[in-house]
Amino acid sequence: MNRKKAILFGLAILIGVTCFLFWHKSNVESDYRGFRITTIRVEKNKFVPISKKLVMQVTGQYLNKNEYHANVIIQAKTDSSLSIANWYLYEGPTVTPNQFGTPIINGASTHVLSKGTNIIKANTNYQVEQTKHNLVVVSNYTHGKYRLFYFTNR
């Protein structure tokens, strides 16, 4: 009798785990339905909307010793705060985690964007052995949809 109870108990646990896994799979599929990442190559000096309130243009990217520098113009529709948490440095075949320091906006070290045109200088360290360095900005423009803006030097 004990063996029969043990088998039934094990079977009940197996059925419970299976039901949980199907429920979890269904939730994950509904949460990520329509998930998409789009890569957009942006040429030098071309304005591109990165959100409803911001339009961005990279006017120059260059290396100086062990630092990467980007000169950026952002046109803001309202006063706001600039988050560079979604700025990355593309180095050859890899994208490194955000290493940018506090940007210099309109000559001051700040994160505050004023309404209108803002001139920004951003810099970070880079890997010397890599030959290609480009700014990548990620924009989450709607739930589950992302744009990777890859700024080129051409």
N, C-alpha and C. Protein backbone atom coordinates (compact mmCIF):
# COMPACT_ATOMS: atom_id res chain seq x y z
N MET A 1 0.81 -1.19 0.00
CA MET A 1 0.00 0.00 0.00
C MET A 1 0.86 1.27 0.00
N ASN A 2 1.97 1.26 0.72
CA ASN A 2 2.85 2.42 0.77
C ASN A 2 3.46 2.73 -0.59
N ARG A 3 3.76 1.67 -1.32
CA ARG A 3 4.33 1.88 -2.65
C ARG A 3 3.31 2.54 -3.57
N LYS A 4 2.06 2.12 -3.49
CA LYS A 4 1.01 2.70 -4.31
C LYS A 4 0.82 4.19 -3.98
N LYS A 5 0.86 4.53 -2.69
CA LYS A 5 0.72 5.93 -2.28
C LYS A 5 1.91 6.76 -2.78
N ALA A 6 3.08 6.19 -2.72
CA ALA A 6 4.27 6.90 -3.18
C ALA A 6 4.20 7.17 -4.68
N ILE A 7 3.73 6.19 -5.44
CA ILE A 7 3.59 6.36 -6.89
C ILE A 7 2.54 7.43 -7.19
N LEU A 8 1.40 7.39 -6.50
CA LEU A 8 0.35 8.39 -6.70
C LEU A 8 0.84 9.79 -6.31
N PHE A 9 1.58 9.87 -5.22
CA PHE A 9 2.12 11.15 -4.78
C PHE A 9 3.10 11.70 -5.83
N GLY A 10 3.99 10.86 -6.32
CA GLY A 10 4.95 11.26 -7.35
C GLY A 10 4.24 11.68 -8.62
N LEU A 11 3.20 10.96 -9.00
CA LEU A 11 2.43 11.29 -10.19
C LEU A 11 1.72 12.64 -10.02
N ALA A 12 1.19 12.89 -8.83
CA ALA A 12 0.52 14.17 -8.56
C ALA A 12 1.52 15.33 -8.66
N ILE A 13 2.72 15.13 -8.13
CA ILE A 13 3.75 16.17 -8.23
C ILE A 13 4.13 16.40 -9.69
N LEU A 14 4.30 15.34 -10.46
CA LEU A 14 4.64 15.46 -11.87
C LEU A 14 3.56 16.21 -12.65
N ILE A 15 2.30 15.91 -12.38
CA ILE A 15 1.19 16.60 -13.04
C ILE A 15 1.18 18.08 -12.64
N GLY A 16 1.40 18.36 -11.37
CA GLY A 16 1.43 19.74 -10.89
C GLY A 16 2.55 20.54 -11.54
N VAL A 17 3.74 19.97 -11.62
CA VAL A 17 4.87 20.65 -12.24
C VAL A 17 4.61 20.88 -13.72
N THR A 18 4.03 19.90 -14.40
CA THR A 18 3.72 20.03 -15.82
C THR A 18 2.70 21.15 -16.05
N CYS A 19 1.67 21.20 -15.21
CA CYS A 19 0.68 22.27 -15.34
C CYS A 19 1.31 23.64 -15.11
N PHE A 20 2.18 23.74 -14.10
CA PHE A 20 2.86 25.00 -13.82
C PHE A 20 3.72 25.43 -15.02
N LEU A 21 4.45 24.50 -15.62
CA LEU A 21 5.30 24.83 -16.76
C LEU A 21 4.48 25.32 -17.96
N PHE A 22 3.33 24.68 -18.22
CA PHE A 22 2.47 25.14 -19.31
C PHE A 22 1.92 26.54 -19.02
N TRP A 23 1.52 26.78 -17.77
CA TRP A 23 1.01 28.10 -17.37
C TRP A 23 2.10 29.16 -17.53
N HIS A 24 3.31 28.83 -17.08
CA HIS A 24 4.43 29.77 -17.18
C HIS A 24 4.77 30.06 -18.65
N LYS A 25 4.81 29.05 -19.49
CA LYS A 25 5.10 29.23 -20.92
C LYS A 25 4.06 30.14 -21.56
N SER A 26 2.80 29.95 -21.20
CA SER A 26 1.73 30.78 -21.75
C SER A 26 1.91 32.24 -21.34
N ASN A 27 2.28 32.48 -20.08
CA ASN A 27 2.50 33.86 -19.61
C ASN A 27 3.68 34.51 -20.31
N VAL A 28 4.77 33.78 -20.47
CA VAL A 28 5.96 34.33 -21.13
C VAL A 28 5.64 34.66 -22.58
N GLU A 29 4.93 33.78 -23.26
CA GLU A 29 4.58 34.03 -24.66
C GLU A 29 3.68 35.26 -24.80
N SER A 30 2.75 35.45 -23.87
CA SER A 30 1.88 36.62 -23.96
C SER A 30 2.65 37.90 -23.62
N ASP A 31 3.59 37.83 -22.67
CA ASP A 31 4.38 39.01 -22.31
C ASP A 31 5.29 39.46 -23.44
N TYR A 32 5.84 38.52 -24.20
CA TYR A 32 6.81 38.85 -25.24
C TYR A 32 6.22 38.80 -26.65
N ARG A 33 4.92 38.71 -26.76
CA ARG A 33 4.29 38.71 -28.08
C ARG A 33 4.59 40.05 -28.74
N GLY A 34 5.10 40.03 -29.94
CA GLY A 34 5.41 41.25 -30.66
C GLY A 34 6.76 41.86 -30.31
N PHE A 35 7.55 41.19 -29.46
CA PHE A 35 8.87 41.71 -29.09
C PHE A 35 9.73 41.83 -30.33
N ARG A 36 10.38 43.01 -30.48
CA ARG A 36 11.18 43.20 -31.69
C ARG A 36 12.32 44.18 -31.40
N ILE A 37 13.47 43.90 -31.98
CA ILE A 37 14.62 44.80 -31.93
C ILE A 37 14.96 45.16 -33.37
N THR A 38 14.98 46.44 -33.67
CA THR A 38 15.29 46.93 -35.01
C THR A 38 16.58 47.73 -34.96
N THR A 39 17.52 47.40 -35.84
CA THR A 39 18.77 48.15 -35.92
C THR A 39 18.68 49.17 -37.06
N ILE A 40 19.01 50.41 -36.73
CA ILE A 40 18.95 51.49 -37.71
C ILE A 40 20.32 52.13 -37.81
N ARG A 41 20.90 52.12 -39.00
CA ARG A 41 22.20 52.77 -39.23
C ARG A 41 21.94 54.24 -39.54
N VAL A 42 22.64 55.11 -38.82
CA VAL A 42 22.45 56.55 -38.98
C VAL A 42 23.77 57.16 -39.43
N GLU A 43 23.73 57.86 -40.55
CA GLU A 43 24.93 58.50 -41.08
C GLU A 43 25.28 59.74 -40.25
N LYS A 44 26.54 60.12 -40.34
CA LYS A 44 27.03 61.32 -39.65
C LYS A 44 26.22 62.54 -40.09
N ASN A 45 25.94 63.42 -39.14
CA ASN A 45 25.23 64.68 -39.36
C ASN A 45 23.78 64.52 -39.79
N LYS A 46 23.18 63.36 -39.56
CA LYS A 46 21.78 63.15 -39.89
C LYS A 46 20.97 63.13 -38.60
N PHE A 47 19.89 63.92 -38.54
CA PHE A 47 19.02 63.93 -37.37
C PHE A 47 18.11 62.71 -37.40
N VAL A 48 17.90 62.11 -36.22
CA VAL A 48 17.03 60.95 -36.10
C VAL A 48 16.23 61.07 -34.80
N PRO A 49 14.91 60.83 -34.85
CA PRO A 49 14.12 60.90 -33.61
C PRO A 49 14.37 59.65 -32.76
N ILE A 50 14.82 59.86 -31.52
CA ILE A 50 15.06 58.72 -30.64
C ILE A 50 13.94 58.54 -29.62
N SER A 51 13.08 59.52 -29.50
CA SER A 51 11.88 59.42 -28.67
C SER A 51 10.89 60.47 -29.16
N LYS A 52 9.75 60.56 -28.49
CA LYS A 52 8.75 61.54 -28.89
C LYS A 52 9.21 62.97 -28.62
N LYS A 53 10.14 63.12 -27.67
CA LYS A 53 10.57 64.46 -27.28
C LYS A 53 11.99 64.82 -27.69
N LEU A 54 12.75 63.84 -28.21
CA LEU A 54 14.17 64.09 -28.52
C LEU A 54 14.52 63.70 -29.95
N VAL A 55 15.29 64.57 -30.60
CA VAL A 55 15.85 64.29 -31.92
C VAL A 55 17.36 64.42 -31.76
N MET A 56 18.11 63.43 -32.28
CA MET A 56 19.55 63.36 -32.03
C MET A 56 20.34 63.36 -33.33
N GLN A 57 21.52 63.97 -33.27
CA GLN A 57 22.45 63.98 -34.40
C GLN A 57 23.86 63.84 -33.84
N VAL A 58 24.64 62.92 -34.42
CA VAL A 58 26.05 62.78 -34.05
C VAL A 58 26.86 63.53 -35.10
N THR A 59 27.59 64.56 -34.65
CA THR A 59 28.36 65.38 -35.58
C THR A 59 29.80 64.91 -35.69
N GLY A 60 30.25 64.10 -34.75
CA GLY A 60 31.62 63.60 -34.82
C GLY A 60 31.90 62.54 -33.77
N GLN A 61 32.73 61.58 -34.15
CA GLN A 61 33.20 60.53 -33.24
C GLN A 61 34.70 60.38 -33.50
N TYR A 62 35.48 60.39 -32.43
CA TYR A 62 36.92 60.26 -32.63
C TYR A 62 37.57 59.65 -31.40
N LEU A 63 38.81 59.18 -31.60
CA LEU A 63 39.60 58.58 -30.54
C LEU A 63 40.74 59.52 -30.19
N ASN A 64 41.02 59.63 -28.90
CA ASN A 64 42.13 60.44 -28.42
C ASN A 64 42.80 59.67 -27.29
N LYS A 65 44.00 59.17 -27.55
CA LYS A 65 44.72 58.31 -26.61
C LYS A 65 43.85 57.11 -26.28
N ASN A 66 43.41 56.95 -25.03
CA ASN A 66 42.58 55.79 -24.71
C ASN A 66 41.13 56.19 -24.46
N GLU A 67 40.70 57.31 -25.04
CA GLU A 67 39.33 57.75 -24.86
C GLU A 67 38.61 57.88 -26.20
N TYR A 68 37.34 57.50 -26.17
CA TYR A 68 36.44 57.70 -27.31
C TYR A 68 35.61 58.95 -27.00
N HIS A 69 35.47 59.82 -27.99
CA HIS A 69 34.69 61.05 -27.82
C HIS A 69 33.58 61.09 -28.87
N ALA A 70 32.41 61.53 -28.46
CA ALA A 70 31.30 61.74 -29.39
C ALA A 70 30.76 63.15 -29.20
N ASN A 71 30.58 63.84 -30.30
CA ASN A 71 29.95 65.16 -30.29
C ASN A 71 28.53 64.98 -30.82
N VAL A 72 27.56 65.38 -30.01
CA VAL A 72 26.16 65.10 -30.29
C VAL A 72 25.35 66.38 -30.17
N ILE A 73 24.35 66.51 -31.02
CA ILE A 73 23.36 67.58 -30.89
C ILE A 73 22.02 66.92 -30.64
N ILE A 74 21.35 67.35 -29.57
CA ILE A 74 20.01 66.85 -29.27
C ILE A 74 19.06 68.03 -29.24
N GLN A 75 17.99 67.92 -30.00
CA GLN A 75 16.94 68.92 -29.97
C GLN A 75 15.82 68.37 -29.10
N ALA A 76 15.52 69.10 -28.02
CA ALA A 76 14.50 68.67 -27.06
C ALA A 76 13.26 69.54 -27.21
N LYS A 77 12.09 68.91 -27.15
CA LYS A 77 10.84 69.66 -27.24
C LYS A 77 10.49 70.33 -25.92
N THR A 78 11.00 69.77 -24.80
CA THR A 78 10.75 70.34 -23.48
C THR A 78 12.02 70.23 -22.65
N ASP A 79 12.08 70.96 -21.55
CA ASP A 79 13.18 70.78 -20.60
C ASP A 79 13.07 69.37 -20.04
N SER A 80 14.19 68.66 -19.95
CA SER A 80 14.16 67.29 -19.45
C SER A 80 15.54 66.89 -18.98
N SER A 81 15.62 65.67 -18.50
CA SER A 81 16.89 65.12 -18.04
C SER A 81 17.37 64.09 -19.06
N LEU A 82 18.65 64.12 -19.37
CA LEU A 82 19.23 63.18 -20.33
C LEU A 82 19.77 61.97 -19.59
N SER A 83 19.27 60.81 -19.94
CA SER A 83 19.81 59.57 -19.39
C SER A 83 20.69 58.93 -20.45
N ILE A 84 21.96 58.70 -20.09
CA ILE A 84 22.85 58.03 -21.04
C ILE A 84 23.02 56.56 -20.67
N ALA A 85 22.11 56.05 -19.84
CA ALA A 85 22.16 54.64 -19.45
C ALA A 85 21.95 53.73 -20.66
N ASN A 86 21.35 54.25 -21.71
CA ASN A 86 21.11 53.44 -22.91
C ASN A 86 22.05 53.81 -24.06
N TRP A 87 23.20 54.41 -23.72
CA TRP A 87 24.24 54.70 -24.71
C TRP A 87 25.33 53.66 -24.56
N TYR A 88 25.78 53.11 -25.67
CA TYR A 88 26.80 52.07 -25.65
C TYR A 88 27.87 52.38 -26.69
N LEU A 89 29.03 51.80 -26.49
CA LEU A 89 30.12 51.95 -27.45
C LEU A 89 30.28 50.64 -28.20
N TYR A 90 30.05 50.70 -29.51
CA TYR A 90 30.25 49.53 -30.36
C TYR A 90 31.73 49.45 -30.67
N GLU A 91 32.35 48.34 -30.30
CA GLU A 91 33.79 48.15 -30.53
C GLU A 91 33.99 46.88 -31.34
N GLY A 92 34.14 47.04 -32.64
CA GLY A 92 34.33 45.87 -33.49
C GLY A 92 33.10 44.97 -33.41
N PRO A 93 33.30 43.70 -33.09
CA PRO A 93 32.16 42.78 -33.07
C PRO A 93 31.35 42.81 -31.78
N THR A 94 31.72 43.63 -30.80
CA THR A 94 31.01 43.62 -29.52
C THR A 94 30.49 45.01 -29.17
N VAL A 95 29.47 45.03 -28.33
CA VAL A 95 28.96 46.26 -27.76
C VAL A 95 29.27 46.22 -26.28
N THR A 96 30.07 47.16 -25.81
CA THR A 96 30.47 47.14 -24.41
C THR A 96 29.40 47.79 -23.55
N PRO A 97 29.34 47.39 -22.28
CA PRO A 97 28.37 48.01 -21.38
C PRO A 97 28.63 49.51 -21.27
N ASN A 98 27.63 50.22 -20.83
CA ASN A 98 27.74 51.68 -20.72
C ASN A 98 28.89 52.06 -19.82
N GLN A 99 29.79 52.84 -20.34
CA GLN A 99 30.94 53.32 -19.57
C GLN A 99 31.07 54.83 -19.68
N PHE A 100 30.06 55.49 -20.22
CA PHE A 100 30.13 56.93 -20.42
C PHE A 100 30.05 57.66 -19.09
N GLY A 101 30.88 58.69 -18.95
CA GLY A 101 30.82 59.53 -17.76
C GLY A 101 29.71 60.56 -17.90
N THR A 102 29.66 61.49 -16.98
CA THR A 102 28.67 62.55 -17.05
C THR A 102 28.90 63.38 -18.31
N PRO A 103 27.88 63.55 -19.13
CA PRO A 103 28.06 64.30 -20.37
C PRO A 103 28.24 65.80 -20.10
N ILE A 104 28.86 66.47 -21.03
CA ILE A 104 28.99 67.92 -20.97
C ILE A 104 27.92 68.48 -21.92
N ILE A 105 26.91 69.11 -21.33
CA ILE A 105 25.78 69.64 -22.10
C ILE A 105 25.85 71.16 -22.08
N ASN A 106 25.96 71.74 -23.25
CA ASN A 106 26.05 73.20 -23.40
C ASN A 106 27.14 73.79 -22.51
N GLY A 107 28.27 73.07 -22.43
CA GLY A 107 29.43 73.56 -21.70
C GLY A 107 29.48 73.23 -20.22
N ALA A 108 28.44 72.60 -19.67
CA ALA A 108 28.40 72.26 -18.24
C ALA A 108 28.27 70.76 -18.06
N SER A 109 28.90 70.23 -17.03
CA SER A 109 28.81 68.81 -16.71
C SER A 109 27.49 68.56 -15.98
N THR A 110 26.49 68.08 -16.72
CA THR A 110 25.14 67.94 -16.18
C THR A 110 24.36 66.90 -16.99
N HIS A 111 23.16 66.59 -16.52
CA HIS A 111 22.25 65.71 -17.26
C HIS A 111 21.00 66.47 -17.70
N VAL A 112 20.99 67.78 -17.51
CA VAL A 112 19.80 68.59 -17.79
C VAL A 112 19.82 69.08 -19.24
N LEU A 113 18.75 68.74 -19.96
CA LEU A 113 18.57 69.23 -21.33
C LEU A 113 17.60 70.40 -21.28
N SER A 114 17.92 71.48 -21.97
CA SER A 114 16.98 72.58 -22.06
C SER A 114 16.20 72.46 -23.36
N LYS A 115 15.03 73.08 -23.38
CA LYS A 115 14.20 73.06 -24.58
C LYS A 115 14.99 73.70 -25.72
N GLY A 116 14.95 73.06 -26.87
CA GLY A 116 15.68 73.57 -28.03
C GLY A 116 16.93 72.75 -28.31
N THR A 117 17.95 73.39 -28.84
CA THR A 117 19.17 72.70 -29.26
C THR A 117 20.16 72.60 -28.11
N ASN A 118 20.69 71.39 -27.88
CA ASN A 118 21.68 71.13 -26.85
C ASN A 118 22.90 70.50 -27.50
N ILE A 119 24.08 71.05 -27.20
CA ILE A 119 25.33 70.50 -27.73
C ILE A 119 25.96 69.66 -26.62
N ILE A 120 26.23 68.39 -26.94
CA ILE A 120 26.67 67.43 -25.93
C ILE A 120 28.00 66.83 -26.34
N LYS A 121 28.87 66.67 -25.35
CA LYS A 121 30.13 65.96 -25.54
C LYS A 121 30.13 64.81 -24.55
N ALA A 122 30.31 63.61 -25.07
CA ALA A 122 30.35 62.41 -24.22
C ALA A 122 31.64 61.67 -24.50
N ASN A 123 32.21 61.04 -23.46
CA ASN A 123 33.42 60.26 -23.68
C ASN A 123 33.47 59.06 -22.76
N THR A 124 34.27 58.10 -23.17
CA THR A 124 34.46 56.87 -22.40
C THR A 124 35.78 56.24 -22.81
N ASN A 125 36.25 55.31 -22.02
CA ASN A 125 37.44 54.54 -22.38
C ASN A 125 37.07 53.52 -23.44
N TYR A 126 38.05 53.06 -24.19
CA TYR A 126 37.79 52.05 -25.21
C TYR A 126 38.91 51.03 -25.22
N GLN A 127 38.66 49.91 -25.92
CA GLN A 127 39.67 48.86 -26.04
C GLN A 127 40.60 49.22 -27.18
N VAL A 128 41.87 49.37 -26.86
CA VAL A 128 42.85 49.83 -27.85
C VAL A 128 42.97 48.87 -29.03
N GLU A 129 42.82 47.57 -28.78
CA GLU A 129 43.03 46.60 -29.86
C GLU A 129 41.90 46.60 -30.89
N GLN A 130 40.75 47.18 -30.57
CA GLN A 130 39.66 47.22 -31.53
C GLN A 130 39.90 48.36 -32.52
N THR A 131 39.45 48.18 -33.74
CA THR A 131 39.70 49.19 -34.77
C THR A 131 38.45 50.00 -35.10
N LYS A 132 37.30 49.54 -34.68
CA LYS A 132 36.06 50.21 -35.04
C LYS A 132 35.35 50.65 -33.76
N HIS A 133 34.98 51.92 -33.70
CA HIS A 133 34.31 52.46 -32.51
C HIS A 133 33.16 53.34 -32.96
N ASN A 134 31.95 53.00 -32.56
CA ASN A 134 30.78 53.78 -32.93
C ASN A 134 29.80 53.85 -31.76
N LEU A 135 29.09 54.95 -31.69
CA LEU A 135 28.07 55.14 -30.67
C LEU A 135 26.81 54.38 -31.06
N VAL A 136 26.23 53.67 -30.09
CA VAL A 136 24.96 52.98 -30.27
C VAL A 136 24.02 53.48 -29.18
N VAL A 137 22.83 53.93 -29.57
CA VAL A 137 21.83 54.40 -28.61
C VAL A 137 20.61 53.51 -28.75
N VAL A 138 20.13 52.99 -27.62
CA VAL A 138 18.96 52.11 -27.62
C VAL A 138 17.74 52.92 -27.21
N SER A 139 16.67 52.78 -27.96
CA SER A 139 15.42 53.49 -27.68
C SER A 139 14.30 52.47 -27.53
N ASN A 140 13.60 52.52 -26.40
CA ASN A 140 12.44 51.65 -26.17
C ASN A 140 11.21 52.51 -26.44
N TYR A 141 10.79 52.55 -27.71
CA TYR A 141 9.75 53.49 -28.10
C TYR A 141 8.34 53.03 -27.77
N THR A 142 8.14 51.75 -27.54
CA THR A 142 6.86 51.24 -27.06
C THR A 142 7.12 49.88 -26.42
N HIS A 143 6.19 49.40 -25.62
CA HIS A 143 6.40 48.16 -24.87
C HIS A 143 6.82 47.01 -25.79
N GLY A 144 7.98 46.44 -25.51
CA GLY A 144 8.46 45.28 -26.25
C GLY A 144 9.11 45.59 -27.59
N LYS A 145 9.23 46.86 -27.93
CA LYS A 145 9.82 47.23 -29.22
C LYS A 145 11.00 48.17 -28.97
N TYR A 146 12.15 47.78 -29.50
CA TYR A 146 13.38 48.54 -29.29
C TYR A 146 14.02 48.91 -30.62
N ARG A 147 14.68 50.05 -30.63
CA ARG A 147 15.46 50.47 -31.79
C ARG A 147 16.90 50.67 -31.34
N LEU A 148 17.83 50.10 -32.10
CA LEU A 148 19.26 50.32 -31.88
C LEU A 148 19.73 51.28 -32.96
N PHE A 149 20.06 52.50 -32.56
CA PHE A 149 20.58 53.49 -33.50
C PHE A 149 22.09 53.37 -33.52
N TYR A 150 22.62 52.94 -34.64
CA TYR A 150 24.06 52.73 -34.83
C TYR A 150 24.58 53.92 -35.64
N PHE A 151 25.33 54.80 -34.99
CA PHE A 151 25.82 56.02 -35.64
C PHE A 151 27.16 55.76 -36.31
N THR A 152 27.21 55.99 -37.62
CA THR A 152 28.42 55.75 -38.40
C THR A 152 29.21 57.04 -38.56
N ASN A 153 30.41 56.93 -39.09
CA ASN A 153 31.27 58.10 -39.32
C ASN A 153 31.16 58.62 -40.74
N ARG A 154 30.28 58.08 -41.53
CA ARG A 154 30.15 58.52 -42.92
C ARG A 154 28.94 59.38 -43.10
